Amino acid sequence: MSQAKPRPALARRLRELREKEWPDAGITQSQLAAAIGGAKPLSVSLISSWENIEKPVTPPIKRLDAYATLFATRRSVEGGSVRVLPLENLTDDERKLRDDLLVELMKLRGGEESAAAPLPDVWRFPEGEDITIVCAPLPAKYREHLTYANPESADFVTLYTYADPDALIVLFGHIRSRNPDNLVTFKTSDELVLKDYTSHLILLGGVDFNKVTRDVIERVADLPVEQVAREADAEHGGFRVKYAGRSELFEPKLDRAGRLLEDVAHFYRGVSPFNQERTVTVCNGMYGRGTLGAVRALTDPRFRDRNQDYIRSRFRGADSFSVISRVLIVAGNGLTPDWTIEDNVLHEWSKADE
């Protein structure tokens, strides 16, 4: 894609942050250059070019990331020095301020950034934009003996007709808390209407049950990942990756009694093929615990920050990206995958801006 065009509004905002956010701190361009550059300080002339309203130079995304982190907390200028604190040292309130500021700066930057470019928090969306979580309907053969899934029963509960309800409950609650001013709904793929396709779509489950997942994946031309349905050409299915004329199948592992020992999860984020101003996200596993693992990777408070930082460092500026990871099963429960552990990530891919 082409280089981002100079943005006077961004230059004005960067100057305002330095001069007016904490005017008593008197942050100089030299101090800012040293803080943002980290181990390799930037030049004062470069900072000046980013703040030049008449002839602005557009900063790289990683520098805006540093700006947002620095100006998220007054602690950045305590003791007379100016520094960018490590993300893990920020409080929850400071992280929210950072995320909001980075979203603002990214919007001002404009240019080649797409709706799907990794944001500070994957699960935060621009205010006022609708979000639709799409689940597969539980196939009839699994519902026929469930009283609660029978609409004719007085005990009927709609959620029993959904596949992956555990992943849905975790994700719906998390997204609602992250996006209090957005309309967040969930439906089965059979319940979608036309306007739902133009919202931010989050798809739970794979191509065998969720037809919307199938429709989306088929339209992502460059994604080298395809799901092999269970009981197809692999006994338990898996995710096949094609690259350099070769293919590799990542399969779940079961013991001889059929108990699941390790599932495989696929997380994908990209521009929606139905609306270029919205995103589509797929959380998928070969079994339910893999789908839950894909969801928990970025919702579990013990792991979400490190996994989010992993995404930011690996896929910054990418239009779309995917991660295939292991989900270990212990005592029948799927463990949240930690993507910073090399053995847990089986494959990753991104379509970076060119």
Foldseek 3Di string as FASTA:
>chain_A
DDDQDFFLVLLCVLVCLQCPLCPVLNHALQLLQPALVDPHGHDSVLNVQCNDSVRHDQDDLSSLLQSLQQSLDPVCCPPSHHHRDPPVPDDPSSLVSSQVSSVVSCVSRDGPFFLQFQGLANLAHPAAFAEEEEFFFDDPVVCVPPLCCDPVHPNHDVLVRTPLSVLVVLQQVQSCVRHVRYHYYYDYLVPDDDVNLQTAYEYFEDVVGHVVNVVFVVPPVPAQWDWFADPDPDPLTAIWGDDPNDIDGDQWDADPVRHTFKKKWKWKKAQRPSHRRHIYIYTYISHSLNSSLSSCCQRVVVHNNQSSVVCCVPARQFRMKMWMFMFGADPNHTDRQRVVPPNGTPDMDTHHDD
